[in-house]
Amino acid sequence: MDHKKRIKEKAEIEEAYLVASLYRHPDHFSTFTAAELNEEMFLHPSWRFYFSLARQIFNDGVRKFDDVMVLKKVKEYGASSDFDEYGGFAPIQQIFNSVDVELENFDDYKTGIRWNHTMKETSKILGSKVFEKDGKYDPYKMKANQVTLYWQDKLNKLTMMASENIYESEKLIVDAEVYIEEIEKQAEGMLPFYNSDLTNKAVGGWARGNVYMFGGYGNTGKTSISVEKLVLGCVDKKEQLVILANEEAGKSWRDKIYKHIIFKKLKETKFDTKKLTRGGLTEEERQIIRAATDELRALVDGDESLIQIVYLQNYIVEDVKTLIKHYAARGCINFLIDTHKVSDEKTGEQRYAQFVEDTKQYYKIARKDAGGLNLRVMLNFQVAEHTKGRRYMDNDCIGEGKAAKDEAAVVMMFRNTFDDELEGGKTELTCWKWKKDEINGGFYKKEFKLDKSHHYKLLFVTKNRFGATNDGGQEVIVLRSNFDANSFWECGYTHVPKNADGYRR
C-alpha cells in the first residue's frame, strides 16, 4: 500500500473542505489558535496558500469574504501570481457550488489535517514503519497525539536503555509464596558479624546488595574491630573478602588477626603481642606464631586466598570501583573499604559533596537490582573531629557529608567511654544484660557498672533498614575491648541520654 498517496488523497478532501468552511464563515478563525492549526500542517500547496490568505484577510478585520473582496486583498498583498496559478477564486467557488459548506464537520477536518501533518513529520524520522499496523498500534484508527505518544514511548525506552541510570519495575502485590521466598532469600544473604550476637540482633548481620557504614574517631580502633567482626566473620563462614585499604597495609592487618588467634584460639594469653610489631621473638614465641598460622589455615580450609588485602597508595574511588568489579567477576561478594573518605584527587569546597556522591557510586555497584552486582560493601569512615566529646552519637557526627547515610542500609558508629561514665563517676552508666527467668519465664535485666580496670566502647546504630535505631528504641551496645587479643566482647547494653547539653564536661 502506498501510504503517502493514501494520506495525500485524504488530505486533499479535508484541506479543501476546511478552507471552504473558513471562506464561508471567516469568524471561525477566532475559535482556534495558530498552534492548533496553521499553514505548515497542510500537505497541498494550493490549500496551504488559500488558508494563509484567508487568515491574513481575517486579521485585517474583514468578516465577510466574496470574490471581489478576496481579489482586492490579493492585489494588495502582491499575491496575484500564486492566486492565478492555483485557479483564482474558482476552487473555492467550485466547493460552494457542489456541497452545502457548514461548520458541523469543521473539527473533524481540523483533526484530520493535524493527523496528516503528524504522520508526515513522524515518517521523516522513523520511515514507513509509522504507517504499518502492529498489534494494538493502528495509526489510521488513532488520533495524532496517540500516534506521537506511541512513538515517544518507543524512543523513551531506547533512552532508558542507553542511560547510566537503570530502571526496573515490579508489582507491589505478589503471591504469598513469592514473598515468603523473598524473605528467606534475604535471610540467606545475611553474613553474621563474628562474636557479635547483640549487633546481629540489632541489624540482622551484613546483608548482600547493600552498603554499610562503620564510623569512629581517629585512632580508636575501626580497623581492629573490623578484623574481628568482619574478617573473622568471613573466615568463619568460608566467604571470600577483599579489603581495600588506604591507611594500614597488609602487615598491620596480619598483626591484628594473629593477636586474636594467639589469645582466643590458642589461649596463649602470656604472649607479648607488642613483639608482633617490634620484633625480638624468642623461639617459643616463633613456635606460637607457627601454630597460629596452622590454625588460620585450618579455619580457611587451606584456602590462603580467602582474605585478600589490596593496599591503595592513593584513594581514588573510580580505581576502587574498578577493583571491586575485578574481584566480583571472580566470585567475591564481600568488600571492606578502610577508610572511605574524599577521593585524593578532589579538592576545594565540593569535597564533601564528592564524599556523598562517592558513597552513592558504591551503592550503585553493591545493590541487587538496577544493574548492581549484589555485593556486601562496608565503608569504614572517620567521624567528624568537631563532634568529639559528644555523649550521644547520631548521623550529625558524620559531618558535612552526612547525606552519605542515605545510600547506606546501616550506619553504625562508636566512641570510647569517658572516665566519668565508669563506675563511681558523676555520670556513671547503668548497663544491663537480658537474662532468661528460669522460674517465671520471660527475661529480666541484670544490671552492672563499667569496671575501671577495663576499656569500653559504646556502639550506636544511627541508621537501620533492618530494625530500630537508637532514636527508635535500639539500646546502645557496650563493647569491652582487649587490644592485646584484638577482641571486642559485647558485654551488654546501656542508655545514653540524648540532649542538647550532651557533651563531656
Protein backbone atom coordinates (compact mmCIF):
# COMPACT_ATOMS: atom_id res chain seq x y z
CA MET A 1 0.00 0.00 0.00
CA ASP A 2 1.23 3.47 -0.92
CA HIS A 3 0.60 5.14 2.43
CA LYS A 4 1.83 8.55 1.36
CA LYS A 5 -0.55 8.58 -1.62
CA ARG A 6 -3.42 7.48 0.62
CA ILE A 7 -2.75 10.27 3.08
CA LYS A 8 -2.39 12.92 0.38
CA GLU A 9 -5.78 11.90 -1.10
CA LYS A 10 -7.32 12.07 2.36
CA ALA A 11 -5.68 15.44 2.98
CA GLU A 12 -6.98 16.84 -0.34
CA ILE A 13 -10.57 16.48 0.83
CA GLU A 14 -10.02 17.65 4.41
CA GLU A 15 -7.95 20.69 3.46
CA ALA A 16 -10.37 21.77 0.70
CA TYR A 17 -13.49 21.50 2.83
CA LEU A 18 -11.89 23.18 5.87
CA VAL A 19 -10.65 26.13 3.78
CA ALA A 20 -14.02 26.49 2.06
CA SER A 21 -15.70 26.50 5.50
CA LEU A 22 -13.46 29.38 6.58
CA TYR A 23 -14.18 31.38 3.43
CA ARG A 24 -17.91 30.89 4.06
CA HIS A 25 -17.58 31.55 7.83
CA PRO A 26 -14.39 33.64 8.39
CA ASP A 27 -15.42 34.42 12.00
CA HIS A 28 -14.49 30.82 12.78
CA PHE A 29 -10.81 31.82 12.72
CA SER A 30 -11.39 33.18 16.21
CA THR A 31 -12.17 29.68 17.57
CA PHE A 32 -8.65 28.22 17.24
CA THR A 33 -5.06 29.36 17.58
CA ALA A 34 -2.19 29.13 15.13
CA ALA A 35 -0.67 26.43 17.34
CA GLU A 36 -3.77 24.30 16.82
CA LEU A 37 -3.86 24.80 13.05
CA ASN A 38 -1.51 26.64 10.73
CA GLU A 39 -0.43 26.56 7.10
CA GLU A 40 2.60 24.34 7.84
CA MET A 41 0.22 21.48 8.58
CA PHE A 42 -1.22 21.46 5.04
CA LEU A 43 0.18 18.89 2.61
CA HIS A 44 -1.11 20.56 -0.58
CA PRO A 45 0.50 23.88 -1.60
CA SER A 46 -2.72 25.27 -3.12
CA TRP A 47 -4.83 24.81 0.02
CA ARG A 48 -1.92 25.98 2.16
CA PHE A 49 -1.95 29.21 0.10
CA TYR A 50 -5.73 29.68 0.36
CA PHE A 51 -5.67 29.05 4.13
CA SER A 52 -2.84 31.53 4.71
CA LEU A 53 -4.55 34.12 2.51
CA ALA A 54 -7.83 33.77 4.39
CA ARG A 55 -6.13 34.17 7.80
CA GLN A 56 -4.36 37.34 6.59
CA ILE A 57 -7.63 38.81 5.30
CA PHE A 58 -9.37 37.94 8.59
CA ASN A 59 -6.54 39.54 10.59
CA ASP A 60 -7.08 42.71 8.54
CA GLY A 61 -10.58 42.94 10.02
CA VAL A 62 -12.61 41.57 7.09
CA ARG A 63 -15.53 39.41 8.30
CA LYS A 64 -17.30 38.67 5.00
CA PHE A 65 -15.47 37.10 2.06
CA ASP A 66 -16.59 37.24 -1.59
CA ASP A 67 -14.70 37.01 -4.86
CA VAL A 68 -14.44 40.80 -5.20
CA MET A 69 -13.10 41.36 -1.68
CA VAL A 70 -10.65 38.43 -1.97
CA LEU A 71 -9.30 39.64 -5.33
CA LYS A 72 -8.84 43.14 -3.92
CA LYS A 73 -6.78 41.77 -0.98
CA VAL A 74 -4.74 39.50 -3.26
CA LYS A 75 -3.63 42.53 -5.28
CA GLU A 76 -2.95 44.46 -2.06
CA TYR A 77 -0.69 41.65 -0.77
CA GLY A 78 1.10 41.27 -4.11
CA ALA A 79 -0.02 37.61 -4.30
CA SER A 80 -1.66 37.68 -7.73
CA SER A 81 0.87 35.29 -9.28
CA ASP A 82 0.19 32.46 -6.78
CA PHE A 83 -3.53 33.21 -6.74
CA ASP A 84 -3.74 32.89 -10.52
CA GLU A 85 -1.52 29.77 -10.54
CA TYR A 86 -3.90 27.94 -8.19
CA GLY A 87 -7.04 28.94 -10.16
CA GLY A 88 -8.10 32.16 -8.51
CA PHE A 89 -11.34 32.04 -6.58
CA ALA A 90 -12.67 29.19 -8.74
CA PRO A 91 -11.59 26.24 -6.49
CA ILE A 92 -13.39 27.83 -3.54
CA GLN A 93 -16.48 28.60 -5.60
CA GLN A 94 -16.50 25.07 -7.01
CA ILE A 95 -16.83 23.66 -3.48
CA PHE A 96 -19.53 26.22 -2.66
CA ASN A 97 -21.50 25.05 -5.71
CA SER A 98 -21.10 21.30 -5.07
CA VAL A 99 -21.87 21.00 -1.34
CA ASP A 100 -23.53 22.91 1.45
CA VAL A 101 -20.45 24.16 3.30
CA GLU A 102 -21.23 24.45 7.02
CA LEU A 103 -19.22 24.16 10.25
CA GLU A 104 -20.60 20.95 11.72
CA ASN A 105 -17.65 18.92 10.36
CA PHE A 106 -15.00 21.60 10.86
CA ASP A 107 -13.37 19.99 13.92
CA ASP A 108 -13.15 16.65 12.09
CA TYR A 109 -11.36 18.35 9.19
CA LYS A 110 -9.01 20.11 11.60
CA THR A 111 -8.23 16.86 13.45
CA GLY A 112 -7.59 15.12 10.13
CA ILE A 113 -5.17 17.82 8.97
CA ARG A 114 -3.23 17.63 12.23
CA TRP A 115 -3.07 13.83 11.89
CA ASN A 116 -1.81 14.09 8.31
CA HIS A 117 0.91 16.51 9.36
CA THR A 118 1.92 14.30 12.31
CA MET A 119 2.25 11.22 10.09
CA LYS A 120 4.28 13.13 7.53
CA GLU A 121 6.73 14.54 10.11
CA THR A 122 6.99 11.27 12.03
CA SER A 123 7.72 9.29 8.88
CA LYS A 124 10.57 11.67 8.05
CA ILE A 125 12.28 10.43 11.22
CA LEU A 126 11.10 6.85 11.53
CA GLY A 127 10.32 5.87 7.96
CA SER A 128 7.40 3.88 6.58
CA LYS A 129 7.06 1.84 9.78
CA VAL A 130 4.86 4.57 11.23
CA PHE A 131 2.11 3.66 8.76
CA GLU A 132 2.11 -0.07 9.47
CA LYS A 133 -0.33 -1.76 11.84
CA ASP A 134 1.48 -3.58 14.68
CA GLY A 135 -0.65 -5.23 17.36
CA LYS A 136 -2.73 -2.54 19.03
CA TYR A 137 -0.95 0.14 17.03
CA ASP A 138 -3.12 1.14 14.08
CA PRO A 139 -2.34 4.71 13.05
CA TYR A 140 -5.43 5.06 10.84
CA LYS A 141 -7.64 4.48 13.90
CA MET A 142 -5.63 6.69 16.25
CA LYS A 143 -5.55 10.41 16.91
CA ALA A 144 -2.41 12.43 16.23
CA ASN A 145 -1.49 12.68 19.92
CA GLN A 146 -1.94 8.90 20.33
CA VAL A 147 0.44 8.26 17.44
CA THR A 148 3.09 10.58 18.86
CA LEU A 149 2.71 9.14 22.36
CA TYR A 150 3.21 5.63 20.97
CA TRP A 151 6.48 6.54 19.23
CA GLN A 152 7.64 8.74 22.11
CA ASP A 153 7.29 5.70 24.35
CA LYS A 154 9.44 3.67 21.95
CA LEU A 155 12.10 6.36 21.96
CA ASN A 156 11.89 6.73 25.74
CA LYS A 157 12.65 3.03 26.10
CA LEU A 158 15.75 3.49 23.94
CA THR A 159 16.78 6.46 26.06
CA MET A 160 16.34 4.43 29.23
CA MET A 161 18.40 1.58 27.77
CA ALA A 162 21.24 3.98 26.97
CA SER A 163 21.02 5.87 30.26
CA GLU A 164 23.54 5.35 33.06
CA ASN A 165 20.52 5.12 35.33
CA ILE A 166 18.90 1.68 35.34
CA TYR A 167 15.14 1.39 35.66
CA GLU A 168 13.35 -1.72 36.76
CA SER A 169 9.72 -2.06 37.81
CA GLU A 170 7.89 -4.75 39.68
CA LYS A 171 4.43 -5.29 41.13
CA LEU A 172 3.98 -4.34 44.77
CA ILE A 173 1.48 -7.13 45.40
CA VAL A 174 2.79 -10.62 44.66
CA ASP A 175 1.81 -14.17 45.53
CA ALA A 176 2.32 -15.02 49.22
CA GLU A 177 4.72 -17.86 48.40
CA VAL A 178 6.84 -15.50 46.29
CA TYR A 179 7.03 -13.04 49.19
CA ILE A 180 7.92 -15.82 51.64
CA GLU A 181 10.70 -16.93 49.31
CA GLU A 182 12.00 -13.34 49.18
CA ILE A 183 12.10 -13.21 52.98
CA GLU A 184 14.04 -16.45 53.21
CA LYS A 185 16.48 -15.40 50.48
CA GLN A 186 17.14 -12.12 52.28
CA ALA A 187 17.91 -14.04 55.46
CA GLU A 188 20.24 -16.32 53.48
CA GLY A 189 22.05 -13.22 52.25
CA MET A 190 22.93 -12.09 55.79
CA LEU A 191 26.50 -12.72 56.93
CA PRO A 192 26.68 -12.65 60.76
CA PHE A 193 29.23 -10.37 62.37
CA TYR A 194 31.69 -12.52 64.31
CA ASN A 195 31.27 -12.82 68.10
CA SER A 196 28.51 -10.20 67.87
CA ASP A 197 25.15 -11.56 69.00
CA LEU A 198 23.89 -8.15 70.08
CA THR A 199 24.88 -6.40 66.85
CA ASN A 200 23.42 -9.22 64.76
CA LYS A 201 20.20 -8.98 66.74
CA ALA A 202 20.08 -5.23 66.10
CA VAL A 203 20.85 -5.10 62.37
CA GLY A 204 20.47 -8.71 61.27
CA GLY A 205 24.04 -9.10 60.08
CA TRP A 206 25.79 -7.92 56.93
CA ALA A 207 23.25 -8.02 54.09
CA ARG A 208 24.01 -8.55 50.41
CA GLY A 209 23.03 -5.85 47.98
CA ASN A 210 23.76 -3.08 50.48
CA VAL A 211 26.31 -0.59 51.69
CA TYR A 212 27.03 -0.41 55.43
CA MET A 213 28.93 2.43 57.09
CA PHE A 214 31.02 2.00 60.24
CA GLY A 215 32.48 5.11 61.84
CA GLY A 216 34.74 6.07 64.68
CA TYR A 217 37.14 8.85 65.66
CA GLY A 218 40.74 8.65 64.53
CA ASN A 219 42.93 6.01 66.18
CA THR A 220 40.12 4.49 68.26
CA GLY A 221 40.02 1.02 66.70
CA LYS A 222 37.94 0.97 63.50
CA THR A 223 40.35 -1.39 61.76
CA SER A 224 40.85 -3.56 64.85
CA ILE A 225 37.10 -4.01 65.31
CA SER A 226 36.73 -4.76 61.59
CA VAL A 227 39.28 -7.56 61.85
CA GLU A 228 37.25 -9.35 64.50
CA LYS A 229 33.73 -8.59 63.29
CA LEU A 230 34.18 -8.73 59.51
CA VAL A 231 37.38 -10.56 58.69
CA LEU A 232 36.80 -13.38 61.15
CA GLY A 233 33.12 -13.36 60.19
CA CYS A 234 34.11 -14.19 56.61
CA VAL A 235 36.68 -16.72 57.79
CA ASP A 236 34.08 -18.41 59.97
CA LYS A 237 31.62 -18.75 57.06
CA LYS A 238 34.36 -19.52 54.49
CA GLU A 239 33.41 -16.47 52.42
CA GLN A 240 35.96 -14.56 50.37
CA LEU A 241 36.68 -11.00 51.45
CA VAL A 242 38.67 -8.28 49.69
CA ILE A 243 40.00 -5.49 51.92
CA LEU A 244 40.69 -2.27 50.03
CA ALA A 245 42.95 -0.42 52.45
CA ASN A 246 44.43 3.05 52.17
CA GLU A 247 45.67 3.54 55.74
CA GLU A 248 47.08 0.25 57.04
CA ALA A 249 48.98 -2.19 54.84
CA GLY A 250 48.81 -5.98 54.94
CA LYS A 251 51.28 -6.44 57.81
CA SER A 252 49.11 -4.37 60.15
CA TRP A 253 46.00 -6.42 59.33
CA ARG A 254 48.03 -9.59 59.80
CA ASP A 255 49.19 -8.43 63.25
CA LYS A 256 45.62 -7.94 64.39
CA ILE A 257 44.28 -11.29 63.27
CA TYR A 258 47.29 -13.11 64.74
CA LYS A 259 46.65 -11.42 68.08
CA HIS A 260 43.14 -12.80 68.08
CA ILE A 261 44.18 -16.31 67.07
CA ILE A 262 47.01 -16.44 69.64
CA PHE A 263 44.85 -15.25 72.54
CA LYS A 264 41.40 -16.59 71.67
CA LYS A 265 42.12 -19.79 69.74
CA LEU A 266 45.46 -20.93 71.15
CA LYS A 267 44.81 -19.44 74.62
CA GLU A 268 48.42 -18.16 74.75
CA THR A 269 47.46 -15.26 77.00
CA LYS A 270 51.02 -14.57 78.16
CA PHE A 271 52.25 -13.89 74.63
CA ASP A 272 53.70 -10.38 74.33
CA THR A 273 51.77 -9.09 71.31
CA LYS A 274 53.92 -5.93 71.16
CA LYS A 275 56.63 -8.15 69.67
CA LEU A 276 54.47 -8.59 66.55
CA THR A 277 55.36 -5.01 65.68
CA ARG A 278 58.73 -4.65 67.44
CA GLY A 279 60.41 -7.99 66.81
CA GLY A 280 62.80 -9.76 69.18
CA LEU A 281 60.84 -13.06 69.21
CA THR A 282 62.02 -16.00 71.27
CA GLU A 283 61.98 -19.48 69.75
CA GLU A 284 58.96 -20.32 71.88
CA GLU A 285 57.15 -17.29 70.51
CA ARG A 286 58.09 -18.25 66.97
CA GLN A 287 56.54 -21.67 67.59
CA ILE A 288 53.35 -19.98 68.79
CA ILE A 289 53.21 -17.96 65.57
CA ARG A 290 53.71 -21.13 63.53
CA ALA A 291 50.89 -22.77 65.47
CA ALA A 292 48.70 -19.70 64.87
CA THR A 293 49.43 -19.95 61.14
CA ASP A 294 48.37 -23.61 61.14
CA GLU A 295 45.20 -22.62 62.99
CA LEU A 296 44.43 -19.93 60.43
CA ARG A 297 44.97 -22.36 57.55
CA ALA A 298 42.61 -24.81 59.22
CA LEU A 299 39.99 -22.10 59.71
CA VAL A 300 40.03 -21.26 55.98
CA ASP A 301 40.25 -24.93 54.93
CA GLY A 302 43.63 -24.29 53.38
CA ASP A 303 42.36 -21.51 51.11
CA GLU A 304 45.01 -18.87 51.80
CA SER A 305 43.45 -16.52 49.24
CA LEU A 306 40.14 -16.38 51.12
CA ILE A 307 41.06 -12.96 52.54
CA GLN A 308 42.80 -10.57 50.13
CA ILE A 309 44.30 -7.21 51.09
CA VAL A 310 44.76 -4.59 48.38
CA TYR A 311 46.74 -1.59 49.60
CA LEU A 312 45.87 1.69 47.85
CA GLN A 313 48.62 4.29 47.84
CA ASN A 314 46.03 6.81 46.64
CA TYR A 315 42.33 6.58 47.40
CA ILE A 316 40.56 7.27 44.11
CA VAL A 317 37.00 5.98 44.00
CA GLU A 318 36.98 5.18 40.29
CA ASP A 319 40.01 2.94 40.82
CA VAL A 320 38.34 1.27 43.80
CA LYS A 321 35.21 0.60 41.73
CA THR A 322 37.37 -1.00 39.04
CA LEU A 323 38.98 -3.25 41.64
CA ILE A 324 35.60 -4.22 43.07
CA LYS A 325 34.35 -5.20 39.62
CA HIS A 326 37.55 -7.15 39.01
CA TYR A 327 37.18 -9.26 42.15
CA ALA A 328 33.39 -9.52 41.82
CA ALA A 329 33.88 -11.07 38.37
CA ARG A 330 35.97 -13.73 40.14
CA GLY A 331 33.27 -14.60 42.63
CA CYS A 332 33.92 -12.29 45.57
CA ILE A 333 30.88 -10.58 47.11
CA ASN A 334 32.37 -9.09 50.31
CA PHE A 335 34.32 -5.82 50.25
CA LEU A 336 35.68 -3.77 53.13
CA ILE A 337 36.94 -0.27 52.34
CA ASP A 338 39.19 1.12 55.07
CA THR A 339 38.98 4.08 55.11
CA HIS A 340 36.26 5.72 52.97
CA LYS A 341 36.96 9.42 52.57
CA VAL A 342 37.01 12.09 49.87
CA SER A 343 38.98 10.91 46.83
CA ASP A 344 42.58 12.09 46.90
CA GLU A 345 42.24 13.87 43.56
CA LYS A 346 39.32 16.02 44.76
CA THR A 347 39.99 19.45 46.25
CA GLY A 348 38.04 22.58 47.07
CA GLU A 349 34.66 23.34 48.59
CA GLN A 350 32.89 20.49 46.84
CA ARG A 351 34.86 17.79 48.64
CA TYR A 352 32.03 16.85 50.99
CA ALA A 353 29.54 16.76 48.13
CA GLN A 354 32.00 14.40 46.45
CA PHE A 355 32.05 12.20 49.57
CA VAL A 356 28.27 11.82 49.25
CA GLU A 357 28.48 11.15 45.52
CA ASP A 358 31.22 8.55 46.00
CA THR A 359 29.08 6.76 48.58
CA LYS A 360 26.25 6.74 46.05
CA GLN A 361 28.58 5.13 43.50
CA TYR A 362 29.37 2.33 45.96
CA TYR A 363 25.65 1.74 46.49
CA LYS A 364 25.03 1.54 42.75
CA ILE A 365 27.64 -1.17 42.40
CA ALA A 366 26.51 -3.04 45.55
CA ARG A 367 22.75 -3.12 45.03
CA LYS A 368 20.98 -6.26 43.94
CA ASP A 369 18.81 -4.72 41.22
CA ALA A 370 19.08 -1.98 38.62
CA GLY A 371 22.47 -3.01 37.28
CA GLY A 372 24.21 -3.64 40.61
CA LEU A 373 26.32 -6.70 41.44
CA ASN A 374 24.54 -7.78 44.67
CA LEU A 375 27.56 -7.28 46.92
CA ARG A 376 28.24 -6.58 50.56
CA VAL A 377 30.19 -3.34 50.89
CA MET A 378 31.38 -1.97 54.23
CA LEU A 379 32.71 1.58 54.36
CA ASN A 380 34.83 2.39 57.38
CA PHE A 381 34.92 6.15 57.87
CA GLN A 382 36.20 8.69 60.35
CA VAL A 383 33.52 10.69 62.11
CA ALA A 384 33.89 14.47 62.30
CA GLU A 385 36.50 15.57 64.82
CA HIS A 386 34.45 18.61 65.83
CA THR A 387 31.87 16.24 67.37
CA LYS A 388 34.46 14.66 69.65
CA GLY A 389 33.21 14.82 73.22
CA ARG A 390 29.59 14.14 72.33
CA ARG A 391 27.99 11.57 74.57
CA TYR A 392 25.18 10.60 72.21
CA MET A 393 26.24 9.83 68.63
CA ASP A 394 23.93 10.27 65.66
CA ASN A 395 24.26 10.96 61.94
CA ASP A 396 25.35 14.55 62.61
CA CYS A 397 28.67 13.01 63.66
CA ILE A 398 29.32 12.12 60.01
CA GLY A 399 29.92 15.81 59.43
CA GLU A 400 29.22 17.90 56.35
CA GLY A 401 28.91 14.78 54.21
CA LYS A 402 26.17 13.26 56.36
CA ALA A 403 23.85 12.92 53.34
CA ALA A 404 26.02 9.89 52.52
CA LYS A 405 23.90 7.99 55.05
CA ASP A 406 21.06 7.99 52.52
CA GLU A 407 22.95 5.45 50.42
CA ALA A 408 23.60 3.07 53.33
CA ALA A 409 21.30 0.40 54.70
CA VAL A 410 23.00 0.51 58.09
CA VAL A 411 25.15 3.17 59.75
CA MET A 412 26.95 2.30 62.99
CA MET A 413 29.47 4.35 64.90
CA PHE A 414 31.29 4.04 68.18
CA ARG A 415 33.24 6.02 70.73
CA ASN A 416 35.35 5.28 73.76
CA THR A 417 33.64 5.63 77.12
CA PHE A 418 34.54 8.71 79.16
CA ASP A 419 36.11 8.38 82.60
CA ASP A 420 33.05 9.84 84.31
CA GLU A 421 30.89 7.11 82.75
CA LEU A 422 32.78 4.37 84.58
CA GLU A 423 31.68 3.06 87.96
CA GLY A 424 31.76 5.82 90.57
CA GLY A 425 31.86 8.64 88.00
CA LYS A 426 29.45 11.55 88.20
CA THR A 427 27.62 10.34 85.08
CA GLU A 428 28.27 6.61 85.52
CA LEU A 429 26.36 4.43 83.11
CA THR A 430 23.95 1.78 84.24
CA CYS A 431 24.39 -1.21 81.96
CA TRP A 432 22.50 -4.47 81.70
CA LYS A 433 22.28 -7.89 80.14
CA TRP A 434 19.00 -9.57 79.32
CA LYS A 435 18.78 -12.82 81.25
CA LYS A 436 16.21 -15.56 80.94
CA ASP A 437 14.00 -16.00 84.00
CA GLU A 438 14.07 -19.75 84.51
CA ILE A 439 11.35 -19.62 87.20
CA ASN A 440 8.75 -17.15 85.94
CA GLY A 441 9.57 -17.21 82.25
CA GLY A 442 10.42 -14.23 80.10
CA PHE A 443 13.54 -12.10 80.56
CA TYR A 444 14.85 -9.65 83.11
CA LYS A 445 17.61 -7.03 83.24
CA LYS A 446 20.75 -7.93 85.13
CA GLU A 447 22.42 -4.60 85.76
CA PHE A 448 26.13 -3.86 86.08
CA LYS A 449 28.52 -0.91 86.10
CA LEU A 450 31.59 -0.35 83.95
CA ASP A 451 34.70 -1.59 85.75
CA LYS A 452 37.52 0.98 85.78
CA SER A 453 40.06 -1.79 85.17
CA HIS A 454 38.68 -2.42 81.68
CA HIS A 455 38.40 -0.42 78.49
CA TYR A 456 34.96 0.02 76.89
CA LYS A 457 33.41 1.32 73.71
CA LEU A 458 29.80 2.29 73.04
CA LEU A 459 28.29 1.22 69.72
CA PHE A 460 25.47 3.35 68.28
CA VAL A 461 23.11 2.32 65.47
CA THR A 462 22.17 5.58 63.72
CA LYS A 463 20.50 4.15 60.63
CA ASN A 464 18.98 0.71 60.25
CA ARG A 465 16.81 -0.62 57.44
CA PHE A 466 16.58 -3.96 59.20
CA GLY A 467 15.43 -2.81 62.63
CA ALA A 468 15.41 0.11 65.05
CA THR A 469 17.97 2.85 65.54
CA ASN A 470 18.94 4.32 68.90
CA ASP A 471 16.47 7.14 68.22
CA GLY A 472 13.83 4.45 67.63
CA GLY A 473 14.46 2.39 70.75
CA GLN A 474 17.53 0.29 69.94
CA GLU A 475 19.72 0.02 73.05
CA VAL A 476 23.31 1.26 72.89
CA ILE A 477 25.66 -1.73 72.77
CA VAL A 478 28.60 -1.89 75.19
CA LEU A 479 31.86 -3.44 73.97
CA ARG A 480 34.68 -4.43 76.31
CA SER A 481 37.96 -4.00 74.45
CA ASN A 482 41.08 -6.11 74.68
CA PHE A 483 43.57 -4.87 72.12
CA ASP A 484 46.15 -7.47 73.13
CA ALA A 485 43.71 -10.12 71.92
CA ASN A 486 42.12 -7.89 69.26
CA SER A 487 38.81 -8.78 70.86
CA PHE A 488 35.71 -6.64 71.43
CA TRP A 489 33.24 -8.53 73.57
CA GLU A 490 29.64 -7.37 73.58
CA CYS A 491 29.03 -7.36 77.31
CA GLY A 492 25.59 -5.73 77.36
CA TYR A 493 23.51 -2.62 76.76
CA THR A 494 23.25 0.85 78.21
CA HIS A 495 21.27 4.06 77.84
CA VAL A 496 22.92 7.32 76.81
CA PRO A 497 20.65 10.38 77.17
CA LYS A 498 20.17 12.47 74.05
CA ASN A 499 20.05 16.14 74.95
CA ALA A 500 21.34 19.49 73.81
CA ASP A 501 23.97 19.54 76.53
CA GLY A 502 25.27 16.10 75.58
CA TYR A 503 28.99 16.85 75.65
CA ARG A 504 31.53 15.69 78.17
CA ARG A 505 32.43 18.43 80.63
